[in-house]
Structures are given as structure tokens and as C-alpha cells.
Amino acid sequence: MATEIHAIVNPISGAGRTRRQWPRLATALETMGWRVHSYVTSAPGEATRIAAGLLRTGARELLSVGGDGTVNEVANGFFHEGQPLAPEAVLSVMPTGTGHDFGRNIGMPRTPAALATLAAGRISTIDVGCVEFKTDGRPYTRCFLNAADLGLGALTAARSTGARKLLGSFFTYVTSAVQAIGTFQAQPVRVVVDGTMLSDGPTAIVLVANGRFHGGGMRLAPMAQMADGCLDVFVLRQVSKPILLLSLLPRARAGRHVGHPAVHYARGREVRVYGSRLPLETDGEYLGSTDVRIRVLPQALRIRVPAE
């Protein structure tokens, strides 16, 4: 008897590539023995609502079809205020969008490997980040898989939209970062990790990472592991724009920014960031601004990963 899988499809991800590819991919999954139920999204946040509804009514195999934003939305449907709705449920990923950092973080290349993983992959359990923040004075809780980013990184994510994504995820991130650097001003920020002050002063970036890759393949958190029960925290203090553009941005591609005098690093289970409305994004999606509390949910999500 075929195993049921519920596919949540973002048709506009990858500049419409997902809409074109999904019928062929669904057929391939049916041939492999899955019984596929498709749910096509039409608005931001809909993937989260669909996933939560499916889990509440007994679905236990969900498939995200799209990019990093789609995976983030579907994963958020697995949780309510930081608590899992169905701890035994499994999330699989079909990376057809522009952003592919989550796939990189779990060792999965593009579509052929995703199909192979659905055919013969294994189940792994990973940590999830959980951020508490406010927008328009209202409190919210949201989960993330790759990273939460405050400051310049959040402004970069806000610019990495629309037609610019046709450049591909890495070039989209770099061109957006260059533009954001031109207008961004460092802000006074305090960063506290597990009750200990990590940084206090003018700050350009606070990155709280669960996985190594972020921003279209940038190795921004090269030491991060997705199942170690901790978050990796990087704070970039105020530096000149030439240093940002000509030194730190090129180094970050390969993770060589670690150790720079302006980069402060720590690992921990809870991060608090206090500042003058520093913007916030998670997994490439703009959310709100400081103050925020970020904590790890250890071993909170079951995902299907490549067999090797």
C-alpha cells in the first residue's frame, strides 16, 4: 500500500520554476510508491496554515516544494508557540526555489538528490530556532531552520526579492548586500548569550545560526551544527563600509570572516538582543525588529535526509 505524503507547493518560488516542475516531480513520486496529495499556496503564510491543519488532522508525512522561504513556512506549521504539534511527523524537502541553504545544511543537492532521498533516505532529528519578537507592538513567536539575522543582514534579505532573484541566490544576496551597505548605519545593541554579555555597542550584524549556510551559500556560520543543541552567535561590530565591502563580504563566502577583530562569537541555548529597533529576518523572511529573544528547541524536528 502506498504511503501518503502531503506536498505543500509554492508555485512562484524559483521565479515560477516550481510551477513548471511540480507535475513531473509529482509523477516521479507516484512512480516511486508515494500517494501524493498536493496543496498549492497562493499567499504568504498559507503554507504554515496548511501544514498545521494537516498535522492536526493526522497527516505525518509533509513535503515542502519550493525554496528556503517555503521550507520555513512549512516548518513553522509543525509548531505552535514553540511546542511541536506532532513530534512523530516527518518533513521532507523538494528544493525547487531560488534559496537552497537548508538543503545545503542537511547535505542535499538539488532535485535529483531530493528524489533519491524520498526513495531511500533516512530520518534525522535536528534542532530548531525559536524567536520571540514584536511587530507593531504585538508579540509573535516564529521558528527558523537556518538562521535569524538582525541589522544589515535583515536589510539585505528585504532587498533580495522579486526580479532580482533571477540572478540566483548567491548573486542576489551579494548585490542586495552591496546596496544595503550603502545606506546602513550601525546601531547601539546589547547581545547576551546564556546570561553572559557578548557585545555592547555600535553593531552592524547579529547572526544567530542553526546551520552553516545562509544568504545563498555563504558560509556565515562555518562551525554550526544542526543537531548539537546550541545556536552559534556572531556579532559584527561597527566597521567602515570599505572594510565591509572589500574585506568581510568576500571572506564570508568561504567562512574566513571568523577571527576578524570586529567579529565576536559565542555558542549558547538562549540569545537576547536589545537595541534601537534593529531589523530582524529568519531564513530570508523579514519579520520585525529588536528587542528579541532567541532560543534553541533541541532535537525538535524530524526530517528526511540523504542516506549517506
C-alpha atoms as a PDB file:
ATOM      1  CA  MET A   1       0.000   0.000   0.000  1.00  0.00           C
ATOM      2  CA  ALA A   2       1.355   3.427  -0.974  1.00  0.00           C
ATOM      3  CA  THR A   3       2.447   5.793   1.785  1.00  0.00           C
ATOM      4  CA  GLU A   4       0.645   9.119   1.749  1.00  0.00           C
ATOM      5  CA  ILE A   5       2.661  12.322   1.525  1.00  0.00           C
ATOM      6  CA  HIS A   6       1.185  15.813   1.622  1.00  0.00           C
ATOM      7  CA  ALA A   7       3.060  18.205  -0.663  1.00  0.00           C
ATOM      8  CA  ILE A   8       2.807  21.940   0.040  1.00  0.00           C
ATOM      9  CA  VAL A   9       3.799  23.668  -3.200  1.00  0.00           C
ATOM     10  CA  ASN A  10       4.808  27.311  -3.634  1.00  0.00           C
ATOM     11  CA  PRO A  11       4.240  27.817  -7.379  1.00  0.00           C
ATOM     12  CA  ILE A  12       6.038  31.155  -7.652  1.00  0.00           C
ATOM     13  CA  SER A  13       9.278  30.042  -5.971  1.00  0.00           C
ATOM     14  CA  GLY A  14      12.306  29.924  -8.207  1.00  0.00           C
ATOM     15  CA  ALA A  15      10.779  32.657 -10.402  1.00  0.00           C
ATOM     16  CA  GLY A  16       7.985  30.235 -11.363  1.00  0.00           C
ATOM     17  CA  ARG A  17      10.240  27.220 -11.843  1.00  0.00           C
ATOM     18  CA  THR A  18       8.346  25.266  -9.185  1.00  0.00           C
ATOM     19  CA  ARG A  19       5.042  25.640 -11.046  1.00  0.00           C
ATOM     20  CA  ARG A  20       6.636  24.180 -14.185  1.00  0.00           C
ATOM     21  CA  GLN A  21       8.483  21.340 -12.447  1.00  0.00           C
ATOM     22  CA  TRP A  22       5.919  20.106  -9.951  1.00  0.00           C
ATOM     23  CA  PRO A  23       3.694  17.996 -12.275  1.00  0.00           C
ATOM     24  CA  ARG A  24       6.731  15.993 -13.422  1.00  0.00           C
ATOM     25  CA  LEU A  25       8.041  15.640  -9.870  1.00  0.00           C
ATOM     26  CA  ALA A  26       4.657  14.525  -8.545  1.00  0.00           C
ATOM     27  CA  THR A  27       4.516  11.840 -11.224  1.00  0.00           C
ATOM     28  CA  ALA A  28       8.013  10.669 -10.257  1.00  0.00           C
ATOM     29  CA  LEU A  29       6.955  10.407  -6.624  1.00  0.00           C
ATOM     30  CA  GLU A  30       3.855   8.394  -7.540  1.00  0.00           C
ATOM     31  CA  THR A  31       6.060   6.051  -9.575  1.00  0.00           C
ATOM     32  CA  MET A  32       8.293   5.614  -6.525  1.00  0.00           C
ATOM     33  CA  GLY A  33       5.318   4.439  -4.478  1.00  0.00           C
ATOM     34  CA  TRP A  34       4.111   7.605  -2.743  1.00  0.00           C
ATOM     35  CA  ARG A  35       0.469   8.610  -2.801  1.00  0.00           C
ATOM     36  CA  VAL A  36       0.784  12.369  -3.316  1.00  0.00           C
ATOM     37  CA  HIS A  37      -1.708  14.983  -2.118  1.00  0.00           C
ATOM     38  CA  SER A  38      -0.883  18.471  -3.434  1.00  0.00           C
ATOM     39  CA  TYR A  39      -1.713  21.823  -1.803  1.00  0.00           C
ATOM     40  CA  VAL A  40      -0.737  24.857  -3.870  1.00  0.00           C
ATOM     41  CA  THR A  41      -0.207  28.086  -1.932  1.00  0.00           C
ATOM     42  CA  SER A  42      -1.378  31.490  -3.122  1.00  0.00           C
ATOM     43  CA  ALA A  43      -0.344  33.905  -0.343  1.00  0.00           C
ATOM     44  CA  PRO A  44       2.385  34.447   2.279  1.00  0.00           C
ATOM     45  CA  GLY A  45       1.809  32.431   5.452  1.00  0.00           C
ATOM     46  CA  GLU A  46      -0.543  29.970   3.758  1.00  0.00           C
ATOM     47  CA  ALA A  47       1.997  27.129   3.819  1.00  0.00           C
ATOM     48  CA  THR A  48       2.168  27.389   7.620  1.00  0.00           C
ATOM     49  CA  ARG A  49      -1.611  27.267   7.969  1.00  0.00           C
ATOM     50  CA  ILE A  50      -1.880  24.291   5.597  1.00  0.00           C
ATOM     51  CA  ALA A  51       0.883  22.357   7.397  1.00  0.00           C
ATOM     52  CA  ALA A  52      -0.614  22.969  10.836  1.00  0.00           C
ATOM     53  CA  GLY A  53      -4.056  21.934   9.639  1.00  0.00           C
ATOM     54  CA  LEU A  54      -2.726  18.729   8.093  1.00  0.00           C
ATOM     55  CA  LEU A  55      -0.801  17.767  11.226  1.00  0.00           C
ATOM     56  CA  ARG A  56      -3.813  18.444  13.457  1.00  0.00           C
ATOM     57  CA  THR A  57      -5.934  16.103  11.322  1.00  0.00           C
ATOM     58  CA  GLY A  58      -3.439  13.233  11.369  1.00  0.00           C
ATOM     59  CA  ALA A  59      -1.018  13.755   8.467  1.00  0.00           C
ATOM     60  CA  ARG A  60       2.504  12.599   9.342  1.00  0.00           C
ATOM     61  CA  GLU A  61       4.452  12.957   6.076  1.00  0.00           C
ATOM     62  CA  LEU A  62       4.760  16.527   4.750  1.00  0.00           C
ATOM     63  CA  LEU A  63       6.789  17.694   1.757  1.00  0.00           C
ATOM     64  CA  SER A  64       7.901  21.287   1.174  1.00  0.00           C
ATOM     65  CA  VAL A  65       8.198  22.122  -2.531  1.00  0.00           C
ATOM     66  CA  GLY A  66       9.931  25.453  -3.125  1.00  0.00           C
ATOM     67  CA  GLY A  67      12.828  27.425  -1.671  1.00  0.00           C
ATOM     68  CA  ASP A  68      14.053  28.311   1.799  1.00  0.00           C
ATOM     69  CA  GLY A  69      11.081  30.589   2.456  1.00  0.00           C
ATOM     70  CA  THR A  70       8.698  27.725   1.708  1.00  0.00           C
ATOM     71  CA  VAL A  71      10.595  25.320   3.971  1.00  0.00           C
ATOM     72  CA  ASN A  72      10.494  27.925   6.735  1.00  0.00           C
ATOM     73  CA  GLU A  73       6.741  28.382   6.406  1.00  0.00           C
ATOM     74  CA  VAL A  74       6.037  24.645   6.332  1.00  0.00           C
ATOM     75  CA  ALA A  75       8.329  24.010   9.316  1.00  0.00           C
ATOM     76  CA  ASN A  76       6.512  26.701  11.284  1.00  0.00           C
ATOM     77  CA  GLY A  77       3.336  24.693  10.797  1.00  0.00           C
ATOM     78  CA  PHE A  78       4.951  21.922  12.873  1.00  0.00           C
ATOM     79  CA  PHE A  79       4.971  24.199  15.953  1.00  0.00           C
ATOM     80  CA  HIS A  80       2.599  26.323  17.985  1.00  0.00           C
ATOM     81  CA  GLU A  81       4.274  28.896  20.243  1.00  0.00           C
ATOM     82  CA  GLY A  82       7.448  26.827  20.275  1.00  0.00           C
ATOM     83  CA  GLN A  83       5.741  23.494  21.008  1.00  0.00           C
ATOM     84  CA  PRO A  84       5.559  20.667  18.420  1.00  0.00           C
ATOM     85  CA  LEU A  85       2.096  19.778  17.142  1.00  0.00           C
ATOM     86  CA  ALA A  86       3.038  16.227  16.123  1.00  0.00           C
ATOM     87  CA  PRO A  87       6.517  15.170  17.325  1.00  0.00           C
ATOM     88  CA  GLU A  88       6.410  11.982  15.237  1.00  0.00           C
ATOM     89  CA  ALA A  89       5.715  13.786  11.933  1.00  0.00           C
ATOM     90  CA  VAL A  90       8.406  13.990   9.236  1.00  0.00           C
ATOM     91  CA  LEU A  91       9.330  16.915   6.972  1.00  0.00           C
ATOM     92  CA  SER A  92      10.826  16.238   3.544  1.00  0.00           C
ATOM     93  CA  VAL A  93      12.138  18.865   1.135  1.00  0.00           C
ATOM     94  CA  MET A  94      11.971  19.263  -2.641  1.00  0.00           C
ATOM     95  CA  PRO A  95      14.299  22.260  -3.264  1.00  0.00           C
ATOM     96  CA  THR A  96      12.955  23.919  -6.411  1.00  0.00           C
ATOM     97  CA  GLY A  97      13.209  27.578  -5.364  1.00  0.00           C
ATOM     98  CA  THR A  98      15.924  30.192  -5.517  1.00  0.00           C
ATOM     99  CA  GLY A  99      17.132  29.788  -1.936  1.00  0.00           C
ATOM    100  CA  HIS A 100      18.730  26.427  -1.135  1.00  0.00           C
ATOM    101  CA  ASP A 101      20.567  26.972   2.138  1.00  0.00           C
ATOM    102  CA  PHE A 102      18.521  24.440   4.113  1.00  0.00           C
ATOM    103  CA  GLY A 103      19.311  21.784   1.502  1.00  0.00           C
ATOM    104  CA  ARG A 104      22.995  22.600   1.817  1.00  0.00           C
ATOM    105  CA  ASN A 105      22.774  22.415   5.598  1.00  0.00           C
ATOM    106  CA  ILE A 106      21.350  18.877   5.520  1.00  0.00           C
ATOM    107  CA  GLY A 107      23.682  17.715   2.736  1.00  0.00           C
ATOM    108  CA  MET A 108      21.093  17.606  -0.048  1.00  0.00           C
ATOM    109  CA  PRO A 109      21.912  18.987  -3.506  1.00  0.00           C
ATOM    110  CA  ARG A 110      19.143  19.904  -5.938  1.00  0.00           C
ATOM    111  CA  THR A 111      16.151  17.945  -7.251  1.00  0.00           C
ATOM    112  CA  PRO A 112      17.717  14.598  -8.305  1.00  0.00           C
ATOM    113  CA  ALA A 113      19.128  14.101  -4.797  1.00  0.00           C
ATOM    114  CA  ALA A 114      15.795  15.117  -3.284  1.00  0.00           C
ATOM    115  CA  LEU A 115      14.019  12.400  -5.252  1.00  0.00           C
ATOM    116  CA  ALA A 116      16.655   9.874  -4.206  1.00  0.00           C
ATOM    117  CA  THR A 117      16.209  10.951  -0.588  1.00  0.00           C
ATOM    118  CA  LEU A 118      12.458  10.406  -0.792  1.00  0.00           C
ATOM    119  CA  ALA A 119      13.147   6.978  -2.265  1.00  0.00           C
ATOM    120  CA  ALA A 120      15.816   5.770   0.146  1.00  0.00           C
ATOM    121  CA  GLY A 121      16.735   8.484   2.637  1.00  0.00           C
ATOM    122  CA  ARG A 122      16.874   8.228   6.398  1.00  0.00           C
ATOM    123  CA  ILE A 123      15.109  10.126   9.167  1.00  0.00           C
ATOM    124  CA  SER A 124      17.227  12.510  11.216  1.00  0.00           C
ATOM    125  CA  THR A 125      16.277  14.852  14.057  1.00  0.00           C
ATOM    126  CA  ILE A 126      17.507  18.447  14.077  1.00  0.00           C
ATOM    127  CA  ASP A 127      17.383  21.470  16.339  1.00  0.00           C
ATOM    128  CA  VAL A 128      15.067  24.367  15.544  1.00  0.00           C
ATOM    129  CA  GLY A 129      15.497  28.033  16.441  1.00  0.00           C
ATOM    130  CA  CYS A 130      12.620  29.914  18.039  1.00  0.00           C
ATOM    131  CA  VAL A 131      12.466  33.720  18.077  1.00  0.00           C
ATOM    132  CA  GLU A 132      10.124  35.896  20.124  1.00  0.00           C
ATOM    133  CA  PHE A 133       9.672  39.434  18.778  1.00  0.00           C
ATOM    134  CA  LYS A 134       7.169  42.224  18.324  1.00  0.00           C
ATOM    135  CA  THR A 135       5.699  43.821  15.215  1.00  0.00           C
ATOM    136  CA  ASP A 136       3.518  46.923  15.585  1.00  0.00           C
ATOM    137  CA  GLY A 137       3.587  46.327  19.331  1.00  0.00           C
ATOM    138  CA  ARG A 138       2.130  42.797  19.090  1.00  0.00           C
ATOM    139  CA  PRO A 139       4.132  39.767  20.329  1.00  0.00           C
ATOM    140  CA  TYR A 140       4.870  36.904  17.938  1.00  0.00           C
ATOM    141  CA  THR A 141       6.760  33.608  18.041  1.00  0.00           C
ATOM    142  CA  ARG A 142       8.348  32.144  14.934  1.00  0.00           C
ATOM    143  CA  CYS A 143      10.656  29.207  14.288  1.00  0.00           C
ATOM    144  CA  PHE A 144      13.611  29.048  11.907  1.00  0.00           C
ATOM    145  CA  LEU A 145      15.828  26.326  10.485  1.00  0.00           C
ATOM    146  CA  ASN A 146      18.901  28.110   9.076  1.00  0.00           C
ATOM    147  CA  ALA A 147      19.390  31.395  10.937  1.00  0.00           C
ATOM    148  CA  ALA A 148      17.953  34.534  12.464  1.00  0.00           C
ATOM    149  CA  ASP A 149      19.657  37.704  11.289  1.00  0.00           C
ATOM    150  CA  LEU A 150      19.463  41.237  12.675  1.00  0.00           C
ATOM    151  CA  GLY A 151      20.733  44.502  11.238  1.00  0.00           C
ATOM    152  CA  LEU A 152      22.453  44.672   7.874  1.00  0.00           C
ATOM    153  CA  GLY A 153      21.600  41.041   7.083  1.00  0.00           C
ATOM    154  CA  ALA A 154      17.894  41.707   7.562  1.00  0.00           C
ATOM    155  CA  LEU A 155      18.036  44.734   5.254  1.00  0.00           C
ATOM    156  CA  THR A 156      19.820  42.572   2.683  1.00  0.00           C
ATOM    157  CA  ALA A 157      17.054  39.954   2.906  1.00  0.00           C
ATOM    158  CA  ALA A 158      14.393  42.637   2.459  1.00  0.00           C
ATOM    159  CA  ARG A 159      16.052  43.703  -0.799  1.00  0.00           C
ATOM    160  CA  SER A 160      16.500  40.107  -2.069  1.00  0.00           C
ATOM    161  CA  THR A 161      13.066  39.832  -3.640  1.00  0.00           C
ATOM    162  CA  GLY A 162      11.232  39.939  -6.944  1.00  0.00           C
ATOM    163  CA  ALA A 163      13.045  40.076 -10.270  1.00  0.00           C
ATOM    164  CA  ARG A 164      16.436  40.293  -8.525  1.00  0.00           C
ATOM    165  CA  LYS A 165      16.114  36.579  -7.624  1.00  0.00           C
ATOM    166  CA  LEU A 166      16.540  35.746 -11.304  1.00  0.00           C
ATOM    167  CA  LEU A 167      20.269  36.311 -10.673  1.00  0.00           C
ATOM    168  CA  GLY A 168      20.386  33.193  -8.464  1.00  0.00           C
ATOM    169  CA  SER A 169      20.565  33.036  -4.682  1.00  0.00           C
ATOM    170  CA  PHE A 170      24.249  33.903  -4.199  1.00  0.00           C
ATOM    171  CA  PHE A 171      24.375  36.828  -6.609  1.00  0.00           C
ATOM    172  CA  THR A 172      21.023  38.030  -5.304  1.00  0.00           C
ATOM    173  CA  TYR A 173      22.455  38.109  -1.786  1.00  0.00           C
ATOM    174  CA  VAL A 174      25.697  39.838  -2.803  1.00  0.00           C
ATOM    175  CA  THR A 175      24.075  42.544  -4.935  1.00  0.00           C
ATOM    176  CA  SER A 176      21.473  43.174  -2.239  1.00  0.00           C
ATOM    177  CA  ALA A 177      24.184  43.308   0.444  1.00  0.00           C
ATOM    178  CA  VAL A 178      26.225  45.842  -1.534  1.00  0.00           C
ATOM    179  CA  GLN A 179      23.160  48.053  -1.903  1.00  0.00           C
ATOM    180  CA  ALA A 180      22.215  47.699   1.778  1.00  0.00           C
ATOM    181  CA  ILE A 181      25.758  48.536   2.939  1.00  0.00           C
ATOM    182  CA  GLY A 182      25.495  51.838   1.098  1.00  0.00           C
ATOM    183  CA  THR A 183      22.641  53.055   3.319  1.00  0.00           C
ATOM    184  CA  PHE A 184      23.006  51.122   6.599  1.00  0.00           C
ATOM    185  CA  GLN A 185      24.235  52.716   9.819  1.00  0.00           C
ATOM    186  CA  ALA A 186      25.397  50.642  12.797  1.00  0.00           C
ATOM    187  CA  GLN A 187      23.133  50.839  15.847  1.00  0.00           C
ATOM    188  CA  PRO A 188      23.792  50.542  19.613  1.00  0.00           C
ATOM    189  CA  VAL A 189      22.975  46.922  20.523  1.00  0.00           C
ATOM    190  CA  ARG A 190      23.456  44.611  23.511  1.00  0.00           C
ATOM    191  CA  VAL A 191      23.787  40.871  22.846  1.00  0.00           C
ATOM    192  CA  VAL A 192      23.502  38.453  25.790  1.00  0.00           C
ATOM    193  CA  VAL A 193      24.149  34.714  25.335  1.00  0.00           C
ATOM    194  CA  ASP A 194      23.038  32.383  28.141  1.00  0.00           C
ATOM    195  CA  GLY A 195      23.097  35.311  30.561  1.00  0.00           C
ATOM    196  CA  THR A 196      26.610  36.498  29.617  1.00  0.00           C
ATOM    197  CA  MET A 197      27.249  39.724  27.711  1.00  0.00           C
ATOM    198  CA  LEU A 198      28.807  39.011  24.319  1.00  0.00           C
ATOM    199  CA  SER A 199      28.752  42.536  22.886  1.00  0.00           C
ATOM    200  CA  ASP A 200      27.550  46.014  23.806  1.00  0.00           C
ATOM    201  CA  GLY A 201      27.991  48.894  21.388  1.00  0.00           C
ATOM    202  CA  PRO A 202      27.551  50.016  17.766  1.00  0.00           C
ATOM    203  CA  THR A 203      26.657  46.893  15.787  1.00  0.00           C
ATOM    204  CA  ALA A 204      26.160  46.087  12.100  1.00  0.00           C
ATOM    205  CA  ILE A 205      25.038  42.430  12.221  1.00  0.00           C
ATOM    206  CA  VAL A 206      23.843  39.880  14.765  1.00  0.00           C
ATOM    207  CA  LEU A 207      23.605  36.402  13.228  1.00  0.00           C
ATOM    208  CA  VAL A 208      22.121  33.559  15.302  1.00  0.00           C
ATOM    209  CA  ALA A 209      22.715  30.397  13.299  1.00  0.00           C
ATOM    210  CA  ASN A 210      21.440  26.840  13.453  1.00  0.00           C
ATOM    211  CA  GLY A 211      23.093  25.800  10.171  1.00  0.00           C
ATOM    212  CA  ARG A 212      26.343  26.704   8.441  1.00  0.00           C
ATOM    213  CA  PHE A 213      24.925  28.224   5.246  1.00  0.00           C
ATOM    214  CA  HIS A 214      22.889  31.392   4.838  1.00  0.00           C
ATOM    215  CA  GLY A 215      22.428  34.045   2.156  1.00  0.00           C
ATOM    216  CA  GLY A 216      22.668  31.862  -0.949  1.00  0.00           C
ATOM    217  CA  GLY A 217      25.523  29.560   0.058  1.00  0.00           C
ATOM    218  CA  MET A 218      27.529  31.998   2.161  1.00  0.00           C
ATOM    219  CA  ARG A 219      29.331  30.034   4.877  1.00  0.00           C
ATOM    220  CA  LEU A 220      28.375  32.569   7.529  1.00  0.00           C
ATOM    221  CA  ALA A 221      28.438  30.137  10.460  1.00  0.00           C
ATOM    222  CA  PRO A 222      31.111  27.580   9.500  1.00  0.00           C
ATOM    223  CA  MET A 223      31.174  25.846  12.902  1.00  0.00           C
ATOM    224  CA  ALA A 224      27.397  25.453  13.285  1.00  0.00           C
ATOM    225  CA  GLN A 225      25.796  22.019  13.566  1.00  0.00           C
ATOM    226  CA  MET A 226      22.046  21.445  13.255  1.00  0.00           C
ATOM    227  CA  ALA A 227      21.806  18.787  15.980  1.00  0.00           C
ATOM    228  CA  ASP A 228      24.155  19.949  18.748  1.00  0.00           C
ATOM    229  CA  GLY A 229      21.548  21.600  20.976  1.00  0.00           C
ATOM    230  CA  CYS A 230      23.150  25.037  20.587  1.00  0.00           C
ATOM    231  CA  LEU A 231      22.971  28.147  18.420  1.00  0.00           C
ATOM    232  CA  ASP A 232      26.078  29.854  17.007  1.00  0.00           C
ATOM    233  CA  VAL A 233      26.089  33.620  17.570  1.00  0.00           C
ATOM    234  CA  PHE A 234      28.144  36.081  15.508  1.00  0.00           C
ATOM    235  CA  VAL A 235      28.206  39.822  16.185  1.00  0.00           C
ATOM    236  CA  LEU A 236      29.807  42.182  13.692  1.00  0.00           C
ATOM    237  CA  ARG A 237      30.680  45.416  15.453  1.00  0.00           C
ATOM    238  CA  GLN A 238      30.827  48.746  13.609  1.00  0.00           C
ATOM    239  CA  VAL A 239      33.396  48.840  10.790  1.00  0.00           C
ATOM    240  CA  SER A 240      33.913  51.133   7.827  1.00  0.00           C
ATOM    241  CA  LYS A 241      31.987  50.492   4.624  1.00  0.00           C
ATOM    242  CA  PRO A 242      35.181  49.814   2.616  1.00  0.00           C
ATOM    243  CA  ILE A 243      36.136  47.060   5.087  1.00  0.00           C
ATOM    244  CA  LEU A 244      32.641  45.582   4.817  1.00  0.00           C
ATOM    245  CA  LEU A 245      32.664  45.637   1.013  1.00  0.00           C
ATOM    246  CA  LEU A 246      36.274  44.775   0.235  1.00  0.00           C
ATOM    247  CA  SER A 247      37.281  42.525   3.130  1.00  0.00           C
ATOM    248  CA  LEU A 248      34.495  40.999   5.216  1.00  0.00           C
ATOM    249  CA  LEU A 249      31.931  40.319   2.470  1.00  0.00           C
ATOM    250  CA  PRO A 250      34.419  38.408   0.252  1.00  0.00           C
ATOM    251  CA  ARG A 251      35.758  36.483   3.261  1.00  0.00           C
ATOM    252  CA  ALA A 252      32.263  35.427   4.355  1.00  0.00           C
ATOM    253  CA  ARG A 253      31.733  33.389   1.172  1.00  0.00           C
ATOM    254  CA  ALA A 254      34.178  30.761   2.497  1.00  0.00           C
ATOM    255  CA  GLY A 255      33.702  31.392   6.226  1.00  0.00           C
ATOM    256  CA  ARG A 256      37.022  33.245   6.597  1.00  0.00           C
ATOM    257  CA  HIS A 257      35.426  36.182   8.428  1.00  0.00           C
ATOM    258  CA  VAL A 258      35.658  34.259  11.711  1.00  0.00           C
ATOM    259  CA  GLY A 259      38.537  35.614  13.763  1.00  0.00           C
ATOM    260  CA  HIS A 260      38.339  39.139  12.369  1.00  0.00           C
ATOM    261  CA  PRO A 261      38.779  41.645  15.239  1.00  0.00           C
ATOM    262  CA  ALA A 262      35.308  43.108  14.616  1.00  0.00           C
ATOM    263  CA  VAL A 263      33.577  39.685  14.763  1.00  0.00           C
ATOM    264  CA  HIS A 264      32.545  38.404  18.208  1.00  0.00           C
ATOM    265  CA  TYR A 265      31.494  34.748  18.534  1.00  0.00           C
ATOM    266  CA  ALA A 266      29.752  32.562  21.127  1.00  0.00           C
ATOM    267  CA  ARG A 267      27.599  29.450  21.351  1.00  0.00           C
ATOM    268  CA  GLY A 268      24.557  29.025  23.554  1.00  0.00           C
ATOM    269  CA  ARG A 269      20.967  27.975  24.064  1.00  0.00           C
ATOM    270  CA  GLU A 270      19.378  31.405  24.536  1.00  0.00           C
ATOM    271  CA  VAL A 271      20.207  34.759  22.960  1.00  0.00           C
ATOM    272  CA  ARG A 272      18.725  38.120  23.851  1.00  0.00           C
ATOM    273  CA  VAL A 273      19.258  41.134  21.620  1.00  0.00           C
ATOM    274  CA  TYR A 274      18.396  44.607  22.858  1.00  0.00           C
ATOM    275  CA  GLY A 275      18.713  47.625  20.598  1.00  0.00           C
ATOM    276  CA  SER A 276      17.200  50.578  18.816  1.00  0.00           C
ATOM    277  CA  ARG A 277      14.779  48.743  16.506  1.00  0.00           C
ATOM    278  CA  LEU A 278      17.369  46.671  14.676  1.00  0.00           C
ATOM    279  CA  PRO A 279      15.504  44.851  11.839  1.00  0.00           C
ATOM    280  CA  LEU A 280      15.024  41.060  12.058  1.00  0.00           C
ATOM    281  CA  GLU A 281      14.710  38.285   9.477  1.00  0.00           C
ATOM    282  CA  THR A 282      14.665  34.488   9.688  1.00  0.00           C
ATOM    283  CA  ASP A 283      15.563  32.167   6.797  1.00  0.00           C
ATOM    284  CA  GLY A 284      15.400  35.140   4.422  1.00  0.00           C
ATOM    285  CA  GLU A 285      11.971  36.415   5.523  1.00  0.00           C
ATOM    286  CA  TYR A 286      11.699  39.878   7.105  1.00  0.00           C
ATOM    287  CA  LEU A 287       9.770  39.840  10.422  1.00  0.00           C
ATOM    288  CA  GLY A 288      10.158  42.851  12.693  1.00  0.00           C
ATOM    289  CA  SER A 289      12.787  44.448  14.942  1.00  0.00           C
ATOM    290  CA  THR A 290      14.503  44.296  18.332  1.00  0.00           C
ATOM    291  CA  ASP A 291      14.154  43.570  21.201  1.00  0.00           C
ATOM    292  CA  VAL A 292      14.153  39.806  20.597  1.00  0.00           C
ATOM    293  CA  ARG A 293      14.648  36.559  22.475  1.00  0.00           C
ATOM    294  CA  ILE A 294      16.003  33.598  20.517  1.00  0.00           C
ATOM    295  CA  ARG A 295      16.269  30.078  21.913  1.00  0.00           C
ATOM    296  CA  VAL A 296      17.027  26.615  20.616  1.00  0.00           C
ATOM    297  CA  LEU A 297      14.481  23.800  20.561  1.00  0.00           C
ATOM    298  CA  PRO A 298      16.793  20.757  20.772  1.00  0.00           C
ATOM    299  CA  GLN A 299      16.031  17.759  18.543  1.00  0.00           C
ATOM    300  CA  ALA A 300      12.618  19.253  17.787  1.00  0.00           C
ATOM    301  CA  LEU A 301      12.041  18.349  14.115  1.00  0.00           C
ATOM    302  CA  ARG A 302      12.254  15.062  12.245  1.00  0.00           C
ATOM    303  CA  ILE A 303      13.455  15.488   8.656  1.00  0.00           C
ATOM    304  CA  ARG A 304      14.318  13.153   5.791  1.00  0.00           C
ATOM    305  CA  VAL A 305      17.967  13.460   4.750  1.00  0.00           C
ATOM    306  CA  PRO A 306      20.191  11.677   2.190  1.00  0.00           C
ATOM    307  CA  ALA A 307      21.143   8.130   3.121  1.00  0.00           C
ATOM    308  CA  GLU A 308      24.878   8.899   3.155  1.00  0.00           C
END
